[in-house]
Structure formats: C-alpha cells, structure tokens
C-alpha atoms as a PDB file:
ATOM      1  CA  MET A   1     132.532 157.008  51.565  1.00  0.00           C
ATOM      2  CA  THR A   2     129.603 154.736  52.393  1.00  0.00           C
ATOM      3  CA  GLU A   3     128.028 155.307  55.803  1.00  0.00           C
ATOM      4  CA  ILE A   4     126.371 152.598  57.883  1.00  0.00           C
ATOM      5  CA  PRO A   5     124.276 153.363  60.977  1.00  0.00           C
ATOM      6  CA  VAL A   6     125.334 151.339  64.036  1.00  0.00           C
ATOM      7  CA  ASP A   7     124.864 151.122  67.768  1.00  0.00           C
ATOM      8  CA  LEU A   8     128.387 151.391  69.183  1.00  0.00           C
ATOM      9  CA  ASN A   9     127.248 149.455  72.252  1.00  0.00           C
ATOM     10  CA  ASN A  10     127.517 146.401  69.997  1.00  0.00           C
ATOM     11  CA  VAL A  11     131.238 146.790  69.192  1.00  0.00           C
ATOM     12  CA  ARG A  12     133.094 143.717  70.422  1.00  0.00           C
ATOM     13  CA  THR A  13     136.294 143.996  72.427  1.00  0.00           C
ATOM     14  CA  ASP A  14     138.284 143.061  69.314  1.00  0.00           C
ATOM     15  CA  GLY A  15     136.837 146.093  67.496  1.00  0.00           C
ATOM     16  CA  ARG A  16     134.444 144.119  65.303  1.00  0.00           C
ATOM     17  CA  ILE A  17     130.782 144.947  64.797  1.00  0.00           C
ATOM     18  CA  ARG A  18     128.062 143.201  62.782  1.00  0.00           C
ATOM     19  CA  VAL A  19     125.921 145.518  60.670  1.00  0.00           C
ATOM     20  CA  ASN A  20     122.800 145.344  58.523  1.00  0.00           C
ATOM     21  CA  LEU A  21     123.797 146.223  54.962  1.00  0.00           C
ATOM     22  CA  LYS A  22     120.245 147.375  54.145  1.00  0.00           C
ATOM     23  CA  ARG A  23     121.016 150.424  56.290  1.00  0.00           C
ATOM     24  CA  ALA A  24     124.118 151.402  54.281  1.00  0.00           C
ATOM     25  CA  ASN A  25     123.798 154.493  52.079  1.00  0.00           C
ATOM     26  CA  GLY A  26     125.934 153.028  49.305  1.00  0.00           C
ATOM     27  CA  PRO A  27     127.669 149.908  47.993  1.00  0.00           C
ATOM     28  CA  VAL A  28     129.736 147.773  50.341  1.00  0.00           C
ATOM     29  CA  ASP A  29     132.362 145.176  49.390  1.00  0.00           C
ATOM     30  CA  VAL A  30     134.887 143.185  51.398  1.00  0.00           C
ATOM     31  CA  GLY A  31     137.967 145.317  52.008  1.00  0.00           C
ATOM     32  CA  ASP A  32     136.134 148.645  51.670  1.00  0.00           C
ATOM     33  CA  LEU A  33     136.686 151.466  54.109  1.00  0.00           C
ATOM     34  CA  VAL A  34     133.316 152.731  55.370  1.00  0.00           C
ATOM     35  CA  THR A  35     132.120 155.119  58.051  1.00  0.00           C
ATOM     36  CA  VAL A  36     130.037 153.755  60.910  1.00  0.00           C
ATOM     37  CA  VAL A  37     127.653 156.309  62.383  1.00  0.00           C
ATOM     38  CA  ASP A  38     126.011 156.251  65.791  1.00  0.00           C
ATOM     39  CA  ALA A  39     123.593 159.122  65.148  1.00  0.00           C
ATOM     40  CA  PRO A  40     122.017 159.382  68.615  1.00  0.00           C
ATOM     41  CA  GLU A  41     125.498 159.831  70.099  1.00  0.00           C
ATOM     42  CA  ASP A  42     126.780 161.927  67.167  1.00  0.00           C
ATOM     43  CA  LEU A  43     129.796 159.628  66.710  1.00  0.00           C
ATOM     44  CA  ARG A  44     131.497 158.565  63.461  1.00  0.00           C
ATOM     45  CA  PHE A  45     134.364 156.106  63.059  1.00  0.00           C
ATOM     46  CA  PRO A  46     136.131 154.574  60.051  1.00  0.00           C
ATOM     47  CA  ALA A  47     135.833 150.812  59.705  1.00  0.00           C
ATOM     48  CA  ARG A  48     137.037 148.126  57.298  1.00  0.00           C
ATOM     49  CA  VAL A  49     134.627 145.541  55.833  1.00  0.00           C
ATOM     50  CA  LEU A  50     135.932 142.103  56.843  1.00  0.00           C
ATOM     51  CA  GLU A  51     133.204 139.756  55.689  1.00  0.00           C
ATOM     52  CA  ILE A  52     129.813 139.891  54.007  1.00  0.00           C
ATOM     53  CA  GLU A  53     127.133 137.332  54.842  1.00  0.00           C
ATOM     54  CA  SER A  54     125.114 137.311  51.609  1.00  0.00           C
ATOM     55  CA  ALA A  55     122.424 135.014  53.025  1.00  0.00           C
ATOM     56  CA  THR A  56     121.633 137.353  55.934  1.00  0.00           C
ATOM     57  CA  GLY A  57     122.421 140.718  54.341  1.00  0.00           C
ATOM     58  CA  ARG A  58     124.820 141.495  57.157  1.00  0.00           C
ATOM     59  CA  ALA A  59     128.531 142.223  57.314  1.00  0.00           C
ATOM     60  CA  TRP A  60     131.329 142.179  59.854  1.00  0.00           C
ATOM     61  CA  LEU A  61     133.350 145.370  60.129  1.00  0.00           C
ATOM     62  CA  ARG A  62     136.391 146.240  62.217  1.00  0.00           C
ATOM     63  CA  LEU A  63     136.860 149.731  63.582  1.00  0.00           C
ATOM     64  CA  MET A  64     140.204 151.118  62.483  1.00  0.00           C
ATOM     65  CA  ASP A  65     143.086 151.112  64.997  1.00  0.00           C
ATOM     66  CA  GLY A  66     142.831 153.936  67.478  1.00  0.00           C
ATOM     67  CA  PHE A  67     139.112 154.303  66.934  1.00  0.00           C
ATOM     68  CA  THR A  68     138.476 151.043  68.792  1.00  0.00           C
ATOM     69  CA  LEU A  69     140.027 152.660  71.847  1.00  0.00           C
ATOM     70  CA  ALA A  70     137.866 155.749  71.391  1.00  0.00           C
ATOM     71  CA  ALA A  71     134.731 153.612  71.172  1.00  0.00           C
ATOM     72  CA  ASP A  72     135.783 151.665  74.286  1.00  0.00           C
ATOM     73  CA  ALA A  73     136.351 154.911  76.193  1.00  0.00           C
ATOM     74  CA  TRP A  74     132.931 156.169  75.102  1.00  0.00           C
ATOM     75  CA  ARG A  75     131.268 152.910  76.287  1.00  0.00           C
ATOM     76  CA  SER A  76     133.130 153.092  79.605  1.00  0.00           C
ATOM     77  CA  SER A  77     131.931 156.636  80.189  1.00  0.00           C
ATOM     78  CA  LEU A  78     128.346 155.500  79.586  1.00  0.00           C
ATOM     79  CA  ARG A  79     128.716 152.671  82.103  1.00  0.00           C
ATOM     80  CA  GLU A  80     130.196 155.034  84.699  1.00  0.00           C
ATOM     81  CA  ASN A  81     127.401 157.555  84.213  1.00  0.00           C
ATOM     82  CA  THR A  82     124.779 154.823  84.444  1.00  0.00           C
ATOM     83  CA  CYS A  83     126.347 153.408  87.601  1.00  0.00           C
ATOM     84  CA  THR A  84     126.484 156.801  89.313  1.00  0.00           C
ATOM     85  CA  GLY A  85     122.964 157.613  88.263  1.00  0.00           C
ATOM     86  CA  SER A  86     123.975 160.778  86.457  1.00  0.00           C
ATOM     87  CA  GLY A  87     122.916 159.407  83.090  1.00  0.00           C
ATOM     88  CA  GLY A  88     125.554 161.601  81.458  1.00  0.00           C
ATOM     89  CA  LEU A  89     123.694 164.798  82.252  1.00  0.00           C
ATOM     90  CA  SER A  90     125.328 167.732  83.975  1.00  0.00           C
END
C-alpha cells in the first residue's frame, strides 16, 4: 500500500488532510486506500484518496472511520501536555 508522509496536526475535524503527492512512495489515484505516516510521532493510519488536484500536485485524503478519533485523541494529548508544560515527557 502506498505511504504518504503527513503531519497529523493538519488533520481537519472532519478527518480530511491535504497532502503533497510528491512525497508518496507509490502511485495514488482517487478512491485508493493509502497509509498516512507521521514519522516523528511513529503513527500510521489508513486513509482514502478523495480528490487529486493535478495542477498543484496535492490530494485530499480522509482518515478511515475510527482512526479519525485516534488522531483527535493524539492531538488532544499534545495540547494537554503543551498546556501543562510537560511537553509529553515523563
């Protein structure tokens, strides 16, 4: 399955994320199931390709159901750690 590096901080509340197709490690077409990878956080989620913007070389993906909630929980934990000053470190 094609993998595309992303920053999960950019996932919208509806589960969509815009990606740069130049970063994909394989072909991408509308309707494909791909894996989005946030390497610094060591997170991987399946996503469906919704739209490809040929002029910009970008695409809109939607995280699969259930994984949107996981990404939201991950973002929330980052915000909480940032607000408390712990930075996520124990």
